[in-house]
Protein backbone atom coordinates (compact mmCIF):
# COMPACT_ATOMS: atom_id res chain seq x y z
CA MET A 1 -22.31 -48.25 -30.59
CA VAL A 2 -21.64 -45.19 -28.43
CA LEU A 3 -21.12 -45.68 -24.70
CA GLU A 4 -21.72 -43.14 -21.95
CA THR A 5 -19.78 -43.39 -18.67
CA VAL A 6 -22.02 -42.93 -15.64
CA THR A 7 -20.37 -41.93 -12.35
CA ASN A 8 -22.18 -42.45 -9.04
CA ASP A 9 -20.70 -40.67 -6.02
CA ILE A 10 -22.34 -42.02 -2.86
CA MET A 11 -21.66 -40.85 0.70
CA ILE A 12 -22.49 -43.01 3.70
CA SER A 13 -22.26 -41.32 7.10
CA SER A 14 -23.17 -41.95 10.73
CA PHE A 15 -22.51 -40.56 14.17
CA THR A 16 -22.92 -43.96 15.84
CA ALA A 17 -21.35 -46.42 13.39
CA SER A 18 -17.60 -46.98 13.44
CA PRO A 19 -15.47 -46.27 10.36
CA ASP A 20 -14.97 -50.03 9.95
CA GLU A 21 -18.74 -50.61 9.82
CA LEU A 22 -19.16 -47.82 7.27
CA VAL A 23 -16.47 -49.30 5.03
CA ARG A 24 -18.21 -52.69 5.20
CA CYS A 25 -21.50 -51.01 4.24
CA SER A 26 -19.84 -49.28 1.28
CA VAL A 27 -18.43 -52.63 0.10
CA GLY A 28 -21.96 -54.05 0.24
CA VAL A 29 -23.29 -51.12 -1.79
CA ALA A 30 -20.48 -51.55 -4.33
CA THR A 31 -21.28 -55.27 -4.62
CA ALA A 32 -24.97 -54.52 -5.22
CA MET A 33 -24.09 -51.89 -7.83
CA GLN A 34 -21.74 -54.37 -9.54
CA MET A 35 -24.63 -56.86 -9.78
CA LEU A 36 -26.89 -54.22 -11.37
CA HIS A 37 -24.25 -52.76 -13.69
CA PRO A 38 -21.30 -55.11 -14.38
CA THR A 39 -18.25 -52.97 -15.10
CA PRO A 40 -14.48 -53.29 -15.50
CA PHE A 41 -13.97 -50.09 -13.46
CA PRO A 42 -13.02 -50.85 -9.84
CA PRO A 43 -15.09 -49.02 -7.19
CA VAL A 44 -13.21 -46.46 -5.09
CA CYS A 45 -13.93 -46.20 -1.36
CA VAL A 46 -12.48 -43.25 0.61
CA LEU A 47 -12.72 -43.02 4.39
CA ASN A 48 -13.18 -39.37 5.42
CA ASP A 49 -12.05 -37.70 8.63
CA TYR A 50 -14.64 -37.26 11.40
CA ASP A 51 -16.46 -33.93 11.33
CA ASP A 52 -19.25 -32.36 13.39
CA PHE A 53 -21.73 -32.20 10.49
CA PHE A 54 -21.58 -35.77 9.10
CA GLY A 55 -19.76 -37.72 11.83
CA ASN A 56 -17.84 -40.68 10.38
CA SER A 57 -18.27 -40.91 6.62
CA VAL A 58 -17.19 -42.87 3.56
CA ASN A 59 -17.35 -41.79 -0.09
CA LEU A 60 -17.93 -44.47 -2.70
CA VAL A 61 -17.34 -43.73 -6.40
CA PHE A 62 -18.81 -46.30 -8.80
CA LYS A 63 -18.47 -45.98 -12.59
CA TYR A 64 -20.10 -48.00 -15.32
CA GLN A 65 -20.86 -47.62 -19.02
CA LYS A 66 -24.20 -47.82 -20.78
CA PRO A 67 -25.11 -47.54 -24.46
CA VAL A 68 -26.49 -44.21 -25.66
CA LYS A 69 -29.76 -44.44 -27.58
CA ARG A 70 -29.56 -42.65 -30.88
CA GLY A 71 -32.31 -41.46 -33.14
CA GLY A 72 -35.96 -41.38 -32.37
């Protein structure tokens, strides 16, 4: 069996939500992704600095593996 590693890079941002609220949202998203695609890879959550374009933001990187279909 051949496995393919899928990487999801998700950004959550808001001008009104606090960084703490955004981190809690990203943990909820990671939990939902873990339910859909159980994986031994730990999710990575990075809190970004405030900027004028996105406001407060958090990047979430979630990796999992799925089998590659071979043949026709």
